[in-house]
N, C-alpha and C. Protein backbone atom coordinates (compact mmCIF):
# COMPACT_ATOMS: atom_id res chain seq x y z
N MET A 1 97.66 120.01 77.26
CA MET A 1 97.41 118.60 76.93
C MET A 1 95.90 118.40 76.67
N ASP A 2 95.68 117.72 75.63
CA ASP A 2 94.16 117.39 75.29
C ASP A 2 93.79 116.05 75.85
N CYS A 3 93.14 116.00 77.02
CA CYS A 3 92.93 114.64 77.71
C CYS A 3 91.40 114.41 77.56
N ALA A 4 91.03 113.19 77.11
CA ALA A 4 89.65 112.82 76.92
C ALA A 4 88.96 112.80 78.23
N PHE A 5 89.57 112.42 79.35
CA PHE A 5 88.87 112.30 80.58
C PHE A 5 88.83 113.65 81.33
N CYS A 6 89.56 114.59 80.93
CA CYS A 6 89.52 115.97 81.39
C CYS A 6 88.36 116.75 80.63
N ARG A 7 88.24 116.44 79.29
CA ARG A 7 87.40 117.03 78.46
C ARG A 7 85.98 116.51 78.56
N ASP A 8 85.80 115.26 78.78
CA ASP A 8 84.55 114.60 78.69
C ASP A 8 84.27 113.71 79.90
N GLU A 9 83.10 113.30 80.26
CA GLU A 9 82.86 112.44 81.37
C GLU A 9 83.47 111.05 81.16
N GLY A 10 83.48 110.57 79.92
CA GLY A 10 83.99 109.20 79.67
C GLY A 10 82.94 108.14 79.57
N GLY A 11 81.69 108.61 79.69
CA GLY A 11 80.54 107.59 79.72
C GLY A 11 79.47 108.16 80.57
N VAL A 12 78.41 107.31 80.81
CA VAL A 12 77.29 107.78 81.59
C VAL A 12 77.66 107.79 83.12
N VAL A 13 77.52 108.81 83.79
CA VAL A 13 77.94 108.87 85.19
C VAL A 13 76.89 108.14 86.03
N LEU A 14 77.44 107.16 86.73
CA LEU A 14 76.67 106.41 87.75
C LEU A 14 76.74 106.91 89.09
N TRP A 15 78.04 107.45 89.45
CA TRP A 15 78.31 107.99 90.73
C TRP A 15 79.45 108.99 90.63
N GLN A 16 79.49 109.92 91.47
CA GLN A 16 80.68 110.89 91.49
C GLN A 16 80.78 111.60 92.78
N ASP A 17 81.93 112.03 93.07
CA ASP A 17 82.25 112.99 94.14
C ASP A 17 83.31 113.91 93.76
N ASP A 18 83.81 114.68 94.66
CA ASP A 18 84.82 115.64 94.29
C ASP A 18 86.14 115.02 93.69
N ALA A 19 86.48 113.76 94.08
CA ALA A 19 87.67 113.13 93.70
C ALA A 19 87.64 112.31 92.45
N MET A 20 86.45 111.61 92.25
CA MET A 20 86.40 110.66 91.13
C MET A 20 84.98 110.41 90.70
N ARG A 21 84.79 109.73 89.60
CA ARG A 21 83.54 109.37 89.11
C ARG A 21 83.53 107.95 88.48
N VAL A 22 82.38 107.32 88.54
CA VAL A 22 82.21 106.03 88.07
C VAL A 22 81.25 106.17 86.81
N VAL A 23 81.78 105.65 85.69
CA VAL A 23 80.97 105.81 84.45
C VAL A 23 80.65 104.46 83.85
N LEU A 24 79.52 104.40 83.24
CA LEU A 24 79.20 103.16 82.44
C LEU A 24 79.76 103.58 80.96
N ALA A 25 80.67 102.80 80.53
CA ALA A 25 81.36 103.13 79.22
C ALA A 25 80.51 102.70 78.09
N ASP A 26 80.74 103.27 76.99
CA ASP A 26 80.07 103.00 75.71
C ASP A 26 80.77 101.93 75.04
N GLU A 27 80.72 100.71 75.45
CA GLU A 27 81.58 99.64 74.81
C GLU A 27 80.53 98.58 74.32
N HIS A 28 80.32 98.65 73.01
CA HIS A 28 79.22 97.86 72.35
C HIS A 28 79.11 96.40 72.74
N ASP A 29 80.29 95.74 72.81
CA ASP A 29 80.34 94.36 73.10
C ASP A 29 80.40 94.06 74.57
N TYR A 30 80.42 95.05 75.36
CA TYR A 30 80.65 94.91 76.78
C TYR A 30 79.66 95.73 77.69
N PRO A 31 78.39 95.42 77.60
CA PRO A 31 77.47 96.11 78.56
C PRO A 31 77.89 95.88 80.01
N GLY A 32 77.87 97.03 80.72
CA GLY A 32 78.22 96.84 82.16
C GLY A 32 79.69 97.28 82.33
N PHE A 33 80.51 97.45 81.32
CA PHE A 33 81.90 97.83 81.41
C PHE A 33 81.92 99.30 82.08
N CYS A 34 82.60 99.41 83.19
CA CYS A 34 82.64 100.58 83.96
C CYS A 34 84.09 101.15 83.95
N ARG A 35 84.20 102.47 84.14
CA ARG A 35 85.49 103.07 84.41
C ARG A 35 85.43 103.87 85.68
N VAL A 36 86.40 103.74 86.37
CA VAL A 36 86.56 104.62 87.62
C VAL A 36 87.57 105.61 87.30
N ILE A 37 87.22 106.82 87.16
CA ILE A 37 88.18 107.93 86.66
C ILE A 37 88.46 108.90 87.73
N TRP A 38 89.65 109.17 88.09
CA TRP A 38 90.04 110.20 89.02
C TRP A 38 89.85 111.50 88.35
N ASN A 39 89.21 112.43 88.96
CA ASN A 39 88.83 113.74 88.35
C ASN A 39 90.00 114.67 88.05
N ARG A 40 90.86 114.82 88.91
CA ARG A 40 92.14 115.67 88.67
C ARG A 40 93.05 114.93 87.75
N HIS A 41 93.53 115.60 86.79
CA HIS A 41 94.52 114.99 85.83
C HIS A 41 95.79 114.61 86.46
N VAL A 42 95.97 113.36 86.68
CA VAL A 42 97.35 112.81 86.98
C VAL A 42 97.49 111.56 86.15
N SER A 43 98.73 111.32 85.76
CA SER A 43 99.09 110.25 84.81
C SER A 43 99.19 108.84 85.50
N GLU A 44 99.71 108.87 86.66
CA GLU A 44 100.13 107.53 87.29
C GLU A 44 99.40 107.37 88.62
N PHE A 45 99.08 106.14 88.93
CA PHE A 45 98.52 105.81 90.16
C PHE A 45 99.51 106.30 91.36
N SER A 46 100.69 106.17 91.19
CA SER A 46 101.70 106.60 92.19
C SER A 46 101.71 108.08 92.37
N ASP A 47 101.07 108.96 91.47
CA ASP A 47 101.02 110.33 91.64
C ASP A 47 100.04 110.71 92.78
N LEU A 48 99.16 109.81 93.15
CA LEU A 48 98.13 109.98 94.24
C LEU A 48 98.76 109.65 95.57
N VAL A 49 98.40 110.47 96.62
CA VAL A 49 98.81 110.12 97.98
C VAL A 49 98.05 108.81 98.51
N ALA A 50 98.66 108.22 99.52
CA ALA A 50 98.18 106.89 100.04
C ALA A 50 96.70 106.94 100.20
N ALA A 51 96.15 108.01 100.87
CA ALA A 51 94.72 108.07 101.21
C ALA A 51 93.86 108.10 99.93
N GLU A 52 94.39 108.81 98.90
CA GLU A 52 93.69 108.92 97.68
C GLU A 52 93.67 107.52 96.90
N ARG A 53 94.85 106.85 96.95
CA ARG A 53 94.87 105.53 96.30
C ARG A 53 93.91 104.61 97.02
N ASP A 54 93.90 104.65 98.32
CA ASP A 54 92.99 103.73 99.16
C ASP A 54 91.50 104.07 98.74
N ARG A 55 91.17 105.25 98.72
CA ARG A 55 89.71 105.65 98.42
C ARG A 55 89.44 105.14 97.01
N LEU A 56 90.31 105.39 96.05
CA LEU A 56 90.12 104.99 94.60
C LEU A 56 89.82 103.42 94.59
N MET A 57 90.77 102.70 95.24
CA MET A 57 90.59 101.23 95.25
C MET A 57 89.32 100.79 95.88
N ARG A 58 88.86 101.50 96.94
CA ARG A 58 87.57 101.14 97.56
C ARG A 58 86.51 101.29 96.65
N VAL A 59 86.55 102.27 95.81
CA VAL A 59 85.44 102.52 94.86
C VAL A 59 85.57 101.47 93.67
N VAL A 60 86.78 101.12 93.28
CA VAL A 60 86.97 100.00 92.26
C VAL A 60 86.34 98.77 92.75
N TYR A 61 86.71 98.34 94.01
CA TYR A 61 86.12 97.12 94.56
C TYR A 61 84.63 97.15 94.66
N ALA A 62 84.08 98.28 95.01
CA ALA A 62 82.59 98.37 95.09
C ALA A 62 81.92 98.25 93.72
N VAL A 63 82.55 98.82 92.77
CA VAL A 63 82.01 98.63 91.38
C VAL A 63 82.04 97.19 90.98
N GLU A 64 83.06 96.52 91.26
CA GLU A 64 83.18 95.09 91.03
C GLU A 64 82.04 94.30 91.80
N ARG A 65 81.84 94.64 92.97
CA ARG A 65 80.82 93.96 93.78
C ARG A 65 79.40 94.14 93.18
N ALA A 66 79.25 95.40 92.77
CA ALA A 66 77.90 95.69 92.13
C ALA A 66 77.69 94.96 90.83
N GLN A 67 78.75 94.88 89.98
CA GLN A 67 78.64 94.10 88.86
C GLN A 67 78.32 92.65 89.03
N ARG A 68 79.03 92.03 90.07
CA ARG A 68 78.76 90.66 90.36
C ARG A 68 77.39 90.42 90.86
N GLN A 69 76.80 91.39 91.56
CA GLN A 69 75.42 91.25 92.09
C GLN A 69 74.48 91.27 90.91
N VAL A 70 74.65 92.36 90.10
CA VAL A 70 73.59 92.58 89.06
C VAL A 70 73.73 91.78 87.80
N LEU A 71 74.95 91.62 87.34
CA LEU A 71 75.19 91.03 86.03
C LEU A 71 75.59 89.52 86.25
N GLN A 72 76.16 89.06 87.32
CA GLN A 72 76.60 87.73 87.56
C GLN A 72 77.58 87.22 86.50
N PRO A 73 78.61 87.94 86.21
CA PRO A 73 79.70 87.46 85.21
C PRO A 73 80.42 86.23 85.77
N VAL A 74 81.17 85.58 84.87
CA VAL A 74 81.93 84.45 85.38
C VAL A 74 83.30 85.04 85.95
N LYS A 75 83.61 86.25 85.49
CA LYS A 75 84.94 86.87 85.93
C LYS A 75 84.72 88.30 85.83
N VAL A 76 85.47 89.16 86.72
CA VAL A 76 85.54 90.59 86.40
C VAL A 76 87.02 90.90 86.21
N ASN A 77 87.31 91.64 85.16
CA ASN A 77 88.71 92.00 84.96
C ASN A 77 88.87 93.42 85.38
N LEU A 78 89.99 93.69 86.10
CA LEU A 78 90.41 95.04 86.52
C LEU A 78 91.65 95.37 85.73
N ALA A 79 91.63 96.60 85.15
CA ALA A 79 92.85 97.04 84.46
C ALA A 79 93.07 98.50 84.57
N SER A 80 94.26 98.87 84.66
CA SER A 80 94.62 100.33 84.65
C SER A 80 95.84 100.49 83.68
N LEU A 81 95.52 100.89 82.44
CA LEU A 81 96.59 100.86 81.48
C LEU A 81 97.08 102.28 81.19
N GLY A 82 96.21 103.13 80.66
CA GLY A 82 96.56 104.52 80.50
C GLY A 82 97.51 104.74 79.30
N ASN A 83 97.68 103.80 78.44
CA ASN A 83 98.59 104.09 77.28
C ASN A 83 98.02 105.04 76.32
N GLN A 84 96.70 104.86 76.07
CA GLN A 84 96.05 105.82 75.11
C GLN A 84 95.57 107.01 75.82
N VAL A 85 95.10 106.91 77.00
CA VAL A 85 94.60 108.15 77.75
C VAL A 85 95.41 108.11 79.09
N PRO A 86 96.48 108.90 79.08
CA PRO A 86 97.34 108.93 80.33
C PRO A 86 96.75 109.76 81.45
N HIS A 87 95.64 109.24 82.00
CA HIS A 87 94.90 109.90 83.05
C HIS A 87 94.42 108.84 83.94
N VAL A 88 94.75 108.83 85.20
CA VAL A 88 94.42 107.70 86.11
C VAL A 88 92.98 107.28 86.07
N HIS A 89 92.76 106.01 85.62
CA HIS A 89 91.38 105.45 85.60
C HIS A 89 91.54 103.92 85.63
N TRP A 90 90.56 103.34 86.10
CA TRP A 90 90.50 101.79 86.25
C TRP A 90 89.36 101.33 85.39
N HIS A 91 89.57 100.29 84.59
CA HIS A 91 88.53 99.61 83.91
C HIS A 91 88.05 98.47 84.77
N VAL A 92 86.68 98.34 84.91
CA VAL A 92 86.09 97.24 85.64
C VAL A 92 85.12 96.52 84.68
N ILE A 93 85.58 95.34 84.19
CA ILE A 93 84.87 94.81 83.05
C ILE A 93 84.36 93.39 83.42
N PRO A 94 83.01 93.34 83.43
CA PRO A 94 82.39 91.99 83.59
C PRO A 94 82.58 91.16 82.36
N ARG A 95 82.92 89.91 82.71
CA ARG A 95 83.28 88.95 81.55
C ARG A 95 82.44 87.73 81.63
N PHE A 96 82.05 87.25 80.49
CA PHE A 96 81.22 86.09 80.27
C PHE A 96 81.89 85.16 79.44
N SER A 97 81.71 83.77 79.63
CA SER A 97 82.38 82.81 78.85
C SER A 97 82.02 82.89 77.30
N ASN A 98 80.90 83.47 76.98
CA ASN A 98 80.40 83.65 75.65
C ASN A 98 80.58 85.10 75.09
N ASP A 99 81.33 85.91 75.76
CA ASP A 99 81.57 87.28 75.21
C ASP A 99 82.53 87.18 74.04
N ALA A 100 82.71 88.34 73.37
CA ALA A 100 83.45 88.36 72.12
C ALA A 100 84.92 87.91 72.13
N HIS A 101 85.45 88.10 73.29
CA HIS A 101 86.87 87.90 73.37
C HIS A 101 87.34 86.80 74.46
N PHE A 102 86.39 86.30 75.30
CA PHE A 102 86.73 85.42 76.30
C PHE A 102 87.40 84.15 75.76
N PRO A 103 88.51 83.67 76.42
CA PRO A 103 89.09 84.04 77.64
C PRO A 103 90.14 85.13 77.55
N LEU A 104 90.33 85.63 76.40
CA LEU A 104 91.42 86.66 76.24
C LEU A 104 90.94 87.97 76.77
N PRO A 105 91.86 88.91 76.94
CA PRO A 105 91.40 90.28 77.29
C PRO A 105 90.56 90.92 76.23
N VAL A 106 89.72 91.88 76.61
CA VAL A 106 88.80 92.57 75.69
C VAL A 106 89.46 93.31 74.64
N TRP A 107 90.87 93.59 74.83
CA TRP A 107 91.52 94.20 73.72
C TRP A 107 92.28 93.34 72.81
N ALA A 108 92.14 91.97 72.99
CA ALA A 108 92.79 91.00 72.13
C ALA A 108 91.93 90.78 70.89
N PRO A 109 92.44 89.93 69.98
CA PRO A 109 91.54 89.64 68.81
C PRO A 109 90.31 88.97 69.19
N ARG A 110 89.23 89.40 68.51
CA ARG A 110 87.86 88.78 68.74
C ARG A 110 87.89 87.22 68.56
N GLN A 111 87.28 86.55 69.49
CA GLN A 111 87.25 85.06 69.45
C GLN A 111 85.95 84.54 68.82
N ARG A 112 84.89 85.35 68.81
CA ARG A 112 83.61 84.83 68.34
C ARG A 112 82.64 86.08 68.17
N GLY A 113 81.64 85.87 67.41
CA GLY A 113 80.58 86.84 67.30
C GLY A 113 79.57 86.69 68.46
N VAL A 114 78.86 87.73 68.78
CA VAL A 114 77.91 87.65 69.88
C VAL A 114 76.61 88.20 69.31
N SER A 115 75.48 87.60 69.52
CA SER A 115 74.15 88.01 68.99
C SER A 115 73.68 89.27 69.63
N GLU A 116 73.10 90.13 68.76
CA GLU A 116 72.51 91.35 69.27
C GLU A 116 71.51 91.12 70.37
N ALA A 117 70.75 89.98 70.33
CA ALA A 117 69.78 89.74 71.27
C ALA A 117 70.44 89.43 72.58
N LEU A 118 71.62 88.68 72.69
CA LEU A 118 72.27 88.50 73.96
C LEU A 118 72.79 89.84 74.47
N LEU A 119 73.42 90.67 73.65
CA LEU A 119 73.96 92.01 74.01
C LEU A 119 72.75 92.87 74.59
N SER A 120 71.65 92.87 73.89
CA SER A 120 70.55 93.58 74.31
C SER A 120 70.02 93.19 75.70
N SER A 121 69.95 91.91 75.92
CA SER A 121 69.66 91.41 77.22
C SER A 121 70.57 91.90 78.33
N ARG A 122 71.94 91.87 78.03
CA ARG A 122 72.93 92.28 78.99
C ARG A 122 72.90 93.76 79.14
N ARG A 123 72.48 94.55 78.11
CA ARG A 123 72.41 95.98 78.32
C ARG A 123 71.21 96.30 79.22
N ALA A 124 70.06 95.51 79.10
CA ALA A 124 69.00 95.66 80.00
C ALA A 124 69.35 95.57 81.40
N GLN A 125 70.17 94.50 81.70
CA GLN A 125 70.71 94.22 83.13
C GLN A 125 71.49 95.37 83.52
N ALA A 126 72.32 95.83 82.71
CA ALA A 126 73.39 96.90 82.99
C ALA A 126 72.63 98.19 83.40
N THR A 127 71.42 98.40 82.94
CA THR A 127 70.71 99.54 83.36
C THR A 127 70.44 99.59 84.92
N LEU A 128 70.54 98.39 85.57
CA LEU A 128 70.35 98.31 86.97
C LEU A 128 71.58 98.51 87.75
N LEU A 129 72.66 98.78 87.12
CA LEU A 129 74.01 99.00 87.77
C LEU A 129 74.05 100.18 88.69
N GLY A 130 73.46 101.28 88.27
CA GLY A 130 73.51 102.55 88.90
C GLY A 130 73.21 102.50 90.44
N ASP A 131 72.04 101.89 90.72
CA ASP A 131 71.62 101.79 92.10
C ASP A 131 72.59 100.86 92.90
N ALA A 132 73.02 99.81 92.30
CA ALA A 132 73.92 98.86 92.97
C ALA A 132 75.31 99.51 93.16
N VAL A 133 75.78 100.25 92.24
CA VAL A 133 77.06 100.93 92.41
C VAL A 133 76.99 101.96 93.51
N ARG A 134 75.95 102.78 93.46
CA ARG A 134 75.85 103.84 94.58
C ARG A 134 75.77 103.10 95.95
N ARG A 135 74.95 102.06 96.08
CA ARG A 135 74.84 101.36 97.33
C ARG A 135 76.15 100.73 97.79
N GLU A 136 76.89 100.16 96.88
CA GLU A 136 78.09 99.54 97.27
C GLU A 136 79.18 100.46 97.58
N ILE A 137 79.28 101.65 96.88
CA ILE A 137 80.24 102.70 97.14
C ILE A 137 79.89 103.30 98.59
N ALA A 138 78.61 103.57 98.85
CA ALA A 138 78.29 104.03 100.11
C ALA A 138 78.71 103.22 101.23
N GLY A 139 78.67 101.91 101.12
CA GLY A 139 79.17 100.94 102.19
C GLY A 139 80.68 100.97 102.19
N ALA A 140 81.39 101.00 101.07
CA ALA A 140 82.80 100.92 100.98
C ALA A 140 83.45 102.15 101.56
N LEU A 141 82.81 103.30 101.48
CA LEU A 141 83.37 104.69 101.94
C LEU A 141 82.91 104.98 103.27
N ALA A 142 82.07 104.15 103.88
CA ALA A 142 81.48 104.53 105.21
C ALA A 142 82.57 104.35 106.27
């Protein structure tokens, strides 16, 4: 099977261990959009044992906390779809009332345009996520 997350990192790695990695995804309209990707190829969350599921969710929660601290979004969306890439991963998506799709999901039809100046400002903020993600994960896994 040719799996994008087995073949590639899936974004800029902010944190990783033997079990999983947190990446900053390359999503133009969504600076700060992260993925938490299980390293071993499994298709479904239920393929993991209880301890693995718990550890994965601790990391997802830590990424959400880091996004809230650094980016201060109005909402954070969590999603695990896997329809296009059947490899266990979670999307952790900071949302803003003036983003391109709000209040709809990021995969819905675009609701508005967003200026490059605003996106550039959010990208600058997102560069600070790495330290916050690592700090929050260290606390969550302690």
